[in-house]
Amino acid sequence: MDQERRALLVVDVQPTFCEGGALPVAGGNAVAEAIARYAAARRDRYDVVVTTQDWHIDPGAHFSEHPDFVDTWPPHGVAGTAEAELHPALSELGPDASVRKGQYAAAYSGFEGVDGQGRALAAILRDERVTDVDVVGIAESHCVRATALDAHAEGLHTRVLTDLTVPVTPELGAAARDDLRAAGVVLVDSVSAFDDVTD
């Protein structure tokens, strides 16, 4: 049996999705800081850390002056702006790879992005022989959900650390968690993530 290799996927923790940004999610800044603390304390538990970022150049109908907040949104994560960079709380994270997505499309899932060498997230994880992933970030109801579902579809043992993500609304968060559970994604809080005692 292959040795377990675990990756931490830090999804779209960017100022554009936090309080003061173009498309803010309540609790975004607090989640960014919590992820930074968790990653610093638990870095030895992960073989690979990968960040994803919305990096929109011209995503077409994804941007709208009259958004419906379902399929269309106000401009956000605009490539080359400070809002599209990683959140300042992650300045010490030191990811092993960074993936940018959505240059010319909506791209909710990190698996739709590529790194600076043009490698897709799935290829990065394969290259690193990753078997398990923990997904954190913003927003639980959108890009975290999509990334976790795609990770599971790739055959990776996938968990979402529920206290290290935040949804756009409580209702959308509950629906996302239902979708994730139904797909077989494990939901666990970060405090319990590496308990030695399992059910």
C-alpha atoms as a PDB file:
ATOM      1  CA  MET A   1       0.000   0.000   0.000  1.00  0.00           C
ATOM      2  CA  ASP A   2       1.299   3.445  -0.888  1.00  0.00           C
ATOM      3  CA  GLN A   3       2.364   5.693   1.939  1.00  0.00           C
ATOM      4  CA  GLU A   4      -0.115   8.421   2.847  1.00  0.00           C
ATOM      5  CA  ARG A   5       0.905  11.854   1.630  1.00  0.00           C
ATOM      6  CA  ARG A   6      -1.280  14.751   2.685  1.00  0.00           C
ATOM      7  CA  ALA A   7      -1.765  18.175   1.105  1.00  0.00           C
ATOM      8  CA  LEU A   8      -3.327  21.301   2.566  1.00  0.00           C
ATOM      9  CA  LEU A   9      -5.300  23.190  -0.082  1.00  0.00           C
ATOM     10  CA  VAL A  10      -5.780  26.835   0.879  1.00  0.00           C
ATOM     11  CA  VAL A  11      -8.559  28.072  -1.394  1.00  0.00           C
ATOM     12  CA  ASP A  12      -8.933  31.715  -2.419  1.00  0.00           C
ATOM     13  CA  VAL A  13      -7.859  33.353   0.841  1.00  0.00           C
ATOM     14  CA  GLN A  14      -7.619  36.786  -0.756  1.00  0.00           C
ATOM     15  CA  PRO A  15      -8.543  40.301   0.383  1.00  0.00           C
ATOM     16  CA  THR A  16     -11.131  40.497  -2.409  1.00  0.00           C
ATOM     17  CA  PHE A  17     -13.262  37.951  -0.480  1.00  0.00           C
ATOM     18  CA  CYS A  18     -12.727  39.464   2.978  1.00  0.00           C
ATOM     19  CA  GLU A  19     -14.194  42.447   4.758  1.00  0.00           C
ATOM     20  CA  GLY A  20     -13.200  45.573   2.833  1.00  0.00           C
ATOM     21  CA  GLY A  21     -12.846  43.675  -0.449  1.00  0.00           C
ATOM     22  CA  ALA A  22     -14.901  43.779  -3.621  1.00  0.00           C
ATOM     23  CA  LEU A  23     -16.886  40.626  -2.808  1.00  0.00           C
ATOM     24  CA  PRO A  24     -16.608  40.292   0.963  1.00  0.00           C
ATOM     25  CA  VAL A  25     -17.673  37.284   2.981  1.00  0.00           C
ATOM     26  CA  ALA A  26     -18.456  37.955   6.649  1.00  0.00           C
ATOM     27  CA  GLY A  27     -15.727  36.369   8.743  1.00  0.00           C
ATOM     28  CA  GLY A  28     -13.226  36.242   5.903  1.00  0.00           C
ATOM     29  CA  ASN A  29     -10.438  38.090   7.674  1.00  0.00           C
ATOM     30  CA  ALA A  30     -10.850  35.984  10.804  1.00  0.00           C
ATOM     31  CA  VAL A  31     -10.707  32.775   8.752  1.00  0.00           C
ATOM     32  CA  ALA A  32      -7.549  33.996   6.987  1.00  0.00           C
ATOM     33  CA  GLU A  33      -5.874  34.564  10.341  1.00  0.00           C
ATOM     34  CA  ALA A  34      -7.101  31.214  11.701  1.00  0.00           C
ATOM     35  CA  ILE A  35      -5.727  29.386   8.653  1.00  0.00           C
ATOM     36  CA  ALA A  36      -2.375  31.108   9.109  1.00  0.00           C
ATOM     37  CA  ARG A  37      -2.215  30.007  12.753  1.00  0.00           C
ATOM     38  CA  TYR A  38      -3.287  26.466  11.900  1.00  0.00           C
ATOM     39  CA  ALA A  39      -0.759  26.132   9.075  1.00  0.00           C
ATOM     40  CA  ALA A  40       2.049  27.399  11.277  1.00  0.00           C
ATOM     41  CA  ALA A  41       1.162  24.939  14.037  1.00  0.00           C
ATOM     42  CA  ARG A  42       0.440  21.937  11.803  1.00  0.00           C
ATOM     43  CA  ARG A  43       2.867  22.399   8.924  1.00  0.00           C
ATOM     44  CA  ASP A  44       4.658  19.176   9.870  1.00  0.00           C
ATOM     45  CA  ARG A  45       1.455  17.232   9.203  1.00  0.00           C
ATOM     46  CA  TYR A  46       1.466  18.171   5.520  1.00  0.00           C
ATOM     47  CA  ASP A  47       3.770  17.039   2.763  1.00  0.00           C
ATOM     48  CA  VAL A  48       2.522  19.748   0.420  1.00  0.00           C
ATOM     49  CA  VAL A  49       0.756  23.100   0.830  1.00  0.00           C
ATOM     50  CA  VAL A  50      -0.965  24.598  -2.210  1.00  0.00           C
ATOM     51  CA  THR A  51      -2.781  27.923  -2.471  1.00  0.00           C
ATOM     52  CA  THR A  52      -5.377  28.871  -5.063  1.00  0.00           C
ATOM     53  CA  GLN A  53      -6.386  32.361  -6.159  1.00  0.00           C
ATOM     54  CA  ASP A  54      -9.098  33.865  -8.294  1.00  0.00           C
ATOM     55  CA  TRP A  55      -7.061  35.725 -10.921  1.00  0.00           C
ATOM     56  CA  HIS A  56      -9.578  37.211 -13.332  1.00  0.00           C
ATOM     57  CA  ILE A  57      -8.468  38.958 -16.507  1.00  0.00           C
ATOM     58  CA  ASP A  58     -11.616  38.767 -18.621  1.00  0.00           C
ATOM     59  CA  PRO A  59     -13.956  36.118 -17.210  1.00  0.00           C
ATOM     60  CA  GLY A  60     -16.819  37.090 -19.497  1.00  0.00           C
ATOM     61  CA  ALA A  61     -20.327  36.858 -18.053  1.00  0.00           C
ATOM     62  CA  HIS A  62     -18.922  35.920 -14.628  1.00  0.00           C
ATOM     63  CA  PHE A  63     -18.613  39.695 -14.056  1.00  0.00           C
ATOM     64  CA  SER A  64     -21.713  41.856 -14.257  1.00  0.00           C
ATOM     65  CA  GLU A  65     -22.737  45.406 -13.473  1.00  0.00           C
ATOM     66  CA  HIS A  66     -26.068  43.901 -12.381  1.00  0.00           C
ATOM     67  CA  PRO A  67     -25.018  40.644 -10.706  1.00  0.00           C
ATOM     68  CA  ASP A  68     -27.488  38.013  -9.559  1.00  0.00           C
ATOM     69  CA  PHE A  69     -24.969  36.634  -7.019  1.00  0.00           C
ATOM     70  CA  VAL A  70     -25.656  33.139  -8.327  1.00  0.00           C
ATOM     71  CA  ASP A  71     -24.005  32.979 -11.734  1.00  0.00           C
ATOM     72  CA  THR A  72     -22.839  36.581 -12.059  1.00  0.00           C
ATOM     73  CA  TRP A  73     -20.865  38.705  -9.620  1.00  0.00           C
ATOM     74  CA  PRO A  74     -19.365  42.171  -9.204  1.00  0.00           C
ATOM     75  CA  PRO A  75     -15.770  42.386 -10.428  1.00  0.00           C
ATOM     76  CA  HIS A  76     -13.448  40.701  -7.920  1.00  0.00           C
ATOM     77  CA  GLY A  77     -10.082  38.986  -7.828  1.00  0.00           C
ATOM     78  CA  VAL A  78      -8.855  41.123 -10.711  1.00  0.00           C
ATOM     79  CA  ALA A  79      -5.455  39.913 -11.898  1.00  0.00           C
ATOM     80  CA  GLY A  80      -2.586  42.143 -10.860  1.00  0.00           C
ATOM     81  CA  THR A  81      -4.455  43.993  -8.107  1.00  0.00           C
ATOM     82  CA  ALA A  82      -3.636  43.908  -4.414  1.00  0.00           C
ATOM     83  CA  GLU A  83      -7.054  42.392  -3.707  1.00  0.00           C
ATOM     84  CA  ALA A  84      -6.174  39.344  -5.832  1.00  0.00           C
ATOM     85  CA  GLU A  85      -2.957  38.588  -3.958  1.00  0.00           C
ATOM     86  CA  LEU A  86      -2.912  36.164  -1.053  1.00  0.00           C
ATOM     87  CA  HIS A  87      -4.271  37.622   2.175  1.00  0.00           C
ATOM     88  CA  PRO A  88      -1.547  39.381   4.205  1.00  0.00           C
ATOM     89  CA  ALA A  89      -2.187  36.930   7.052  1.00  0.00           C
ATOM     90  CA  LEU A  90      -0.643  34.233   4.841  1.00  0.00           C
ATOM     91  CA  SER A  91       2.628  36.092   4.314  1.00  0.00           C
ATOM     92  CA  GLU A  92       4.556  33.414   6.247  1.00  0.00           C
ATOM     93  CA  LEU A  93       2.709  30.415   4.749  1.00  0.00           C
ATOM     94  CA  GLY A  94       5.392  29.510   2.196  1.00  0.00           C
ATOM     95  CA  PRO A  95       3.244  27.335  -0.100  1.00  0.00           C
ATOM     96  CA  ASP A  96       4.923  24.643  -2.164  1.00  0.00           C
ATOM     97  CA  ALA A  97       2.780  25.579  -5.159  1.00  0.00           C
ATOM     98  CA  SER A  98       0.392  28.399  -6.043  1.00  0.00           C
ATOM     99  CA  VAL A  99      -2.431  27.984  -8.521  1.00  0.00           C
ATOM    100  CA  ARG A 100      -4.295  30.817 -10.225  1.00  0.00           C
ATOM    101  CA  LYS A 101      -7.673  30.271 -11.833  1.00  0.00           C
ATOM    102  CA  GLY A 102     -10.415  32.023 -13.716  1.00  0.00           C
ATOM    103  CA  GLN A 103      -8.384  34.198 -16.043  1.00  0.00           C
ATOM    104  CA  TYR A 104     -10.979  33.888 -18.798  1.00  0.00           C
ATOM    105  CA  ALA A 105     -13.782  31.906 -17.125  1.00  0.00           C
ATOM    106  CA  ALA A 106     -15.634  31.621 -13.835  1.00  0.00           C
ATOM    107  CA  ALA A 107     -13.505  28.771 -12.389  1.00  0.00           C
ATOM    108  CA  TYR A 108     -14.823  28.018  -8.924  1.00  0.00           C
ATOM    109  CA  SER A 109     -12.665  24.933  -8.373  1.00  0.00           C
ATOM    110  CA  GLY A 110      -8.956  25.093  -7.738  1.00  0.00           C
ATOM    111  CA  PHE A 111      -8.678  22.155 -10.128  1.00  0.00           C
ATOM    112  CA  GLU A 112      -9.453  24.592 -12.955  1.00  0.00           C
ATOM    113  CA  GLY A 113      -6.295  26.573 -12.251  1.00  0.00           C
ATOM    114  CA  VAL A 114      -2.620  26.248 -13.116  1.00  0.00           C
ATOM    115  CA  ASP A 115       0.650  27.246 -11.499  1.00  0.00           C
ATOM    116  CA  GLY A 116       3.367  29.430 -12.990  1.00  0.00           C
ATOM    117  CA  GLN A 117       4.679  26.468 -15.004  1.00  0.00           C
ATOM    118  CA  GLY A 118       1.233  25.729 -16.428  1.00  0.00           C
ATOM    119  CA  ARG A 119       0.650  22.644 -14.264  1.00  0.00           C
ATOM    120  CA  ALA A 120      -2.930  21.997 -13.233  1.00  0.00           C
ATOM    121  CA  LEU A 121      -3.661  21.330  -9.577  1.00  0.00           C
ATOM    122  CA  ALA A 122      -4.379  17.647 -10.257  1.00  0.00           C
ATOM    123  CA  ALA A 123      -0.968  17.306 -11.915  1.00  0.00           C
ATOM    124  CA  ILE A 124       0.778  19.037  -9.015  1.00  0.00           C
ATOM    125  CA  LEU A 125      -0.819  16.645  -6.548  1.00  0.00           C
ATOM    126  CA  ARG A 126       0.010  13.639  -8.710  1.00  0.00           C
ATOM    127  CA  ASP A 127       3.619  14.788  -9.049  1.00  0.00           C
ATOM    128  CA  GLU A 128       3.807  14.986  -5.259  1.00  0.00           C
ATOM    129  CA  ARG A 129       2.128  11.552  -4.885  1.00  0.00           C
ATOM    130  CA  VAL A 130      -0.573  13.073  -2.701  1.00  0.00           C
ATOM    131  CA  THR A 131      -3.218  10.653  -1.421  1.00  0.00           C
ATOM    132  CA  ASP A 132      -5.144  12.859   1.031  1.00  0.00           C
ATOM    133  CA  VAL A 133      -6.168  16.508   1.008  1.00  0.00           C
ATOM    134  CA  ASP A 134      -7.534  18.909   3.590  1.00  0.00           C
ATOM    135  CA  VAL A 135      -9.390  21.864   2.105  1.00  0.00           C
ATOM    136  CA  VAL A 136      -9.752  25.260   3.822  1.00  0.00           C
ATOM    137  CA  GLY A 137     -10.499  28.771   2.621  1.00  0.00           C
ATOM    138  CA  ILE A 138     -13.165  31.048   1.179  1.00  0.00           C
ATOM    139  CA  ALA A 139     -15.986  30.574   0.479  1.00  0.00           C
ATOM    140  CA  GLU A 140     -17.252  27.273   1.846  1.00  0.00           C
ATOM    141  CA  SER A 141     -20.396  27.506  -0.268  1.00  0.00           C
ATOM    142  CA  HIS A 142     -18.600  28.141  -3.550  1.00  0.00           C
ATOM    143  CA  CYS A 143     -14.902  27.612  -4.260  1.00  0.00           C
ATOM    144  CA  VAL A 144     -14.145  25.434  -1.221  1.00  0.00           C
ATOM    145  CA  ARG A 145     -17.130  23.229  -2.064  1.00  0.00           C
ATOM    146  CA  ALA A 146     -16.155  22.964  -5.750  1.00  0.00           C
ATOM    147  CA  THR A 147     -12.486  22.261  -4.964  1.00  0.00           C
ATOM    148  CA  ALA A 148     -13.312  19.580  -2.389  1.00  0.00           C
ATOM    149  CA  LEU A 149     -15.778  17.854  -4.714  1.00  0.00           C
ATOM    150  CA  ASP A 150     -13.185  17.815  -7.501  1.00  0.00           C
ATOM    151  CA  ALA A 151     -10.505  16.501  -5.162  1.00  0.00           C
ATOM    152  CA  HIS A 152     -12.799  13.653  -4.172  1.00  0.00           C
ATOM    153  CA  ALA A 153     -13.582  12.989  -7.836  1.00  0.00           C
ATOM    154  CA  GLU A 154      -9.827  12.721  -8.452  1.00  0.00           C
ATOM    155  CA  GLY A 155      -9.758   9.791  -6.043  1.00  0.00           C
ATOM    156  CA  LEU A 156      -8.162  11.697  -3.172  1.00  0.00           C
ATOM    157  CA  HIS A 157      -9.287  11.152   0.405  1.00  0.00           C
ATOM    158  CA  THR A 158     -10.773  14.591   1.003  1.00  0.00           C
ATOM    159  CA  ARG A 159     -11.648  16.499   4.140  1.00  0.00           C
ATOM    160  CA  VAL A 160     -12.960  20.024   4.658  1.00  0.00           C
ATOM    161  CA  LEU A 161     -11.834  21.621   7.926  1.00  0.00           C
ATOM    162  CA  THR A 162     -15.105  23.246   8.882  1.00  0.00           C
ATOM    163  CA  ASP A 163     -13.785  25.913  11.253  1.00  0.00           C
ATOM    164  CA  LEU A 164     -11.262  27.123   8.663  1.00  0.00           C
ATOM    165  CA  THR A 165     -13.809  28.132   6.062  1.00  0.00           C
ATOM    166  CA  VAL A 166     -16.818  30.424   5.905  1.00  0.00           C
ATOM    167  CA  PRO A 167     -19.837  30.457   3.564  1.00  0.00           C
ATOM    168  CA  VAL A 168     -21.417  33.375   1.729  1.00  0.00           C
ATOM    169  CA  THR A 169     -24.585  32.786   3.794  1.00  0.00           C
ATOM    170  CA  PRO A 170     -25.461  30.256   6.497  1.00  0.00           C
ATOM    171  CA  GLU A 171     -28.082  28.725   4.216  1.00  0.00           C
ATOM    172  CA  LEU A 172     -25.635  28.231   1.342  1.00  0.00           C
ATOM    173  CA  GLY A 173     -23.110  26.839   3.789  1.00  0.00           C
ATOM    174  CA  ALA A 174     -25.588  24.235   5.044  1.00  0.00           C
ATOM    175  CA  ALA A 175     -26.423  23.239   1.463  1.00  0.00           C
ATOM    176  CA  ALA A 176     -22.715  22.946   0.606  1.00  0.00           C
ATOM    177  CA  ARG A 177     -22.077  20.711   3.606  1.00  0.00           C
ATOM    178  CA  ASP A 178     -24.978  18.481   2.552  1.00  0.00           C
ATOM    179  CA  ASP A 179     -23.498  18.211  -0.950  1.00  0.00           C
ATOM    180  CA  LEU A 180     -20.046  17.412   0.407  1.00  0.00           C
ATOM    181  CA  ARG A 181     -21.295  14.733   2.797  1.00  0.00           C
ATOM    182  CA  ALA A 182     -23.410  13.162   0.066  1.00  0.00           C
ATOM    183  CA  ALA A 183     -20.344  12.945  -2.189  1.00  0.00           C
ATOM    184  CA  GLY A 184     -18.228  11.289   0.492  1.00  0.00           C
ATOM    185  CA  VAL A 185     -16.142  14.260   1.601  1.00  0.00           C
ATOM    186  CA  VAL A 186     -15.347  14.175   5.328  1.00  0.00           C
ATOM    187  CA  LEU A 187     -16.209  17.252   7.404  1.00  0.00           C
ATOM    188  CA  VAL A 188     -14.115  17.753  10.528  1.00  0.00           C
ATOM    189  CA  ASP A 189     -12.953  20.689  12.624  1.00  0.00           C
ATOM    190  CA  SER A 190      -9.263  21.467  12.686  1.00  0.00           C
ATOM    191  CA  VAL A 191      -8.893  20.705  16.399  1.00  0.00           C
ATOM    192  CA  SER A 192     -10.018  17.111  15.806  1.00  0.00           C
ATOM    193  CA  ALA A 193      -8.320  16.676  12.429  1.00  0.00           C
ATOM    194  CA  PHE A 194      -5.375  14.709  13.796  1.00  0.00           C
ATOM    195  CA  ASP A 195      -6.812  13.115  16.900  1.00  0.00           C
ATOM    196  CA  ASP A 196      -5.060   9.823  17.490  1.00  0.00           C
ATOM    197  CA  VAL A 197      -8.346   8.229  18.521  1.00  0.00           C
ATOM    198  CA  THR A 198     -10.740   7.588  15.647  1.00  0.00           C
ATOM    199  CA  ASP A 199     -14.227   6.116  15.549  1.00  0.00           C
END
